[in-house]
Amino acid sequence: MARRREGRLFDLEVDILAAGMELQRTDGDFYGFALAKRIAERNEAVALTAYGTLYKALARMNEAGLLESAWEDAALAEAVGRPRRRLYRVTGAGELAYRAELAAREPAPVTRPKAAFA
């Protein structure tokens, strides 16, 4: 696994935050499969992110306070005949980390020395 630089996010974490904020604006809470589909759509990928990788990143980000999560109501899941989903939300800290990471990834502006006029 790549080593994390202090205060920086991995590419997958940036993708999770971006896709999560999009889903949150339209659907409120989001769950892993919907998140994986949105990441694939955003990246124009043929395959979804490996679920083991995705869920480990979600747990790590939840622990770091970038996401918050809760289990869906069991009765709701049972009513539609599927297992409960773990629902996620991007926190304020997650939005700030996302914006900071994008700013850190922007290339530095090129400055040219001013010509000396004689």
Protein backbone atom coordinates (compact mmCIF):
# COMPACT_ATOMS: atom_id res chain seq x y z
CA MET A 1 0.00 0.00 0.00
CA ALA A 2 1.19 3.51 -0.76
CA ARG A 3 2.40 5.55 2.17
CA ARG A 4 0.22 8.44 3.18
CA ARG A 5 1.76 11.87 3.32
CA GLU A 6 0.67 13.80 6.39
CA GLY A 7 -2.56 15.68 5.83
CA ARG A 8 -3.12 14.26 2.34
CA LEU A 9 -5.74 11.93 0.87
CA PHE A 10 -5.32 8.92 -1.39
CA ASP A 11 -6.92 9.10 -4.84
CA LEU A 12 -9.64 6.66 -3.78
CA GLU A 13 -10.47 8.83 -0.76
CA VAL A 14 -10.80 11.89 -3.01
CA ASP A 15 -13.09 9.87 -5.29
CA ILE A 16 -15.17 8.72 -2.31
CA LEU A 17 -15.62 12.25 -1.00
CA ALA A 18 -16.48 13.71 -4.42
CA ALA A 19 -18.95 10.96 -5.30
CA GLY A 20 -20.34 10.94 -1.76
CA MET A 21 -21.04 14.68 -1.83
CA GLU A 22 -22.80 14.29 -5.20
CA LEU A 23 -24.97 11.44 -3.88
CA GLN A 24 -25.67 13.30 -0.67
CA ARG A 25 -26.99 16.34 -2.58
CA THR A 26 -29.48 14.19 -4.51
CA ASP A 27 -30.22 11.21 -2.24
CA GLY A 28 -29.15 12.16 1.28
CA ASP A 29 -27.31 9.24 2.87
CA PHE A 30 -25.50 6.88 0.50
CA TYR A 31 -24.35 3.26 0.69
CA GLY A 32 -21.33 1.38 -0.65
CA PHE A 33 -22.72 -0.05 -3.87
CA ALA A 34 -24.26 3.27 -4.95
CA LEU A 35 -20.97 4.96 -4.13
CA ALA A 36 -18.96 2.44 -6.18
CA LYS A 37 -21.30 2.95 -9.15
CA ARG A 38 -20.99 6.75 -8.93
CA ILE A 39 -17.18 6.56 -8.74
CA ALA A 40 -17.15 4.35 -11.84
CA GLU A 41 -19.44 6.81 -13.66
CA ARG A 42 -17.31 9.80 -12.66
CA ASN A 43 -14.09 8.09 -13.74
CA GLU A 44 -15.67 6.53 -16.84
CA ALA A 45 -14.41 3.17 -15.54
CA VAL A 46 -15.60 -0.14 -16.89
CA ALA A 47 -15.26 -1.97 -13.55
CA LEU A 48 -16.33 -0.94 -10.08
CA THR A 49 -13.81 -0.36 -7.32
CA ALA A 50 -13.01 -3.63 -5.51
CA TYR A 51 -15.37 -3.84 -2.57
CA GLY A 52 -12.72 -4.90 -0.08
CA THR A 53 -10.70 -1.82 -0.99
CA LEU A 54 -13.76 0.44 -0.92
CA TYR A 55 -15.08 -0.73 2.45
CA LYS A 56 -11.66 -0.54 4.09
CA ALA A 57 -11.34 3.05 2.87
CA LEU A 58 -14.86 3.86 4.11
CA ALA A 59 -14.03 2.45 7.57
CA ARG A 60 -10.73 4.38 7.69
CA MET A 61 -12.46 7.61 6.65
CA ASN A 62 -15.24 7.03 9.18
CA GLU A 63 -12.66 6.64 11.95
CA ALA A 64 -10.91 9.82 10.80
CA GLY A 65 -14.17 11.78 10.98
CA LEU A 66 -14.37 12.46 7.22
CA LEU A 67 -17.54 10.35 7.03
CA GLU A 68 -20.20 9.35 9.50
CA SER A 69 -22.20 6.18 9.21
CA ALA A 70 -25.18 4.36 10.67
CA TRP A 71 -27.08 1.17 9.91
CA GLU A 72 -30.31 1.53 8.00
CA ASP A 73 -33.53 0.65 9.81
CA ALA A 74 -33.87 -3.16 9.69
CA ALA A 75 -37.62 -2.97 9.08
CA LEU A 76 -37.08 -0.87 5.94
CA ALA A 77 -34.59 -3.35 4.51
CA GLU A 78 -36.79 -6.31 5.42
CA ALA A 79 -39.79 -4.68 3.76
CA VAL A 80 -37.97 -4.67 0.41
CA GLY A 81 -36.37 -8.08 0.96
CA ARG A 82 -32.68 -7.24 1.26
CA PRO A 83 -30.01 -6.97 3.95
CA ARG A 84 -29.59 -3.73 5.86
CA ARG A 85 -27.27 -1.16 4.35
CA ARG A 86 -24.63 0.84 6.14
CA LEU A 87 -25.43 4.44 5.25
CA TYR A 88 -22.76 7.14 5.00
CA ARG A 89 -22.62 10.94 4.97
CA VAL A 90 -19.67 13.21 4.24
CA THR A 91 -19.00 15.37 7.28
CA GLY A 92 -17.94 19.01 7.33
CA ALA A 93 -14.41 17.81 8.05
CA GLY A 94 -14.64 15.57 4.98
CA GLU A 95 -15.68 18.48 2.77
CA LEU A 96 -12.81 20.60 4.12
CA ALA A 97 -10.30 17.79 3.57
CA TYR A 98 -11.58 17.32 0.01
CA ARG A 99 -11.21 21.02 -0.81
CA ALA A 100 -7.76 21.17 0.80
CA GLU A 101 -6.62 18.13 -1.19
CA LEU A 102 -7.83 19.63 -4.47
CA ALA A 103 -6.00 22.87 -3.67
CA ALA A 104 -2.82 20.94 -2.83
CA ARG A 105 -3.01 19.09 -6.15
CA GLU A 106 -3.32 22.25 -8.23
CA PRO A 107 -0.12 23.01 -10.08
CA ALA A 108 1.74 26.04 -8.81
CA PRO A 109 1.38 29.06 -11.07
CA VAL A 110 4.32 29.66 -13.35
CA THR A 111 5.99 32.96 -12.66
CA ARG A 112 8.47 34.43 -15.04
CA PRO A 113 11.16 36.83 -13.95
CA LYS A 114 10.53 40.36 -15.03
CA ALA A 115 12.87 41.67 -17.65
CA ALA A 116 15.19 44.39 -16.48
CA PHE A 117 14.88 47.51 -18.55
CA ALA A 118 17.94 49.68 -18.97
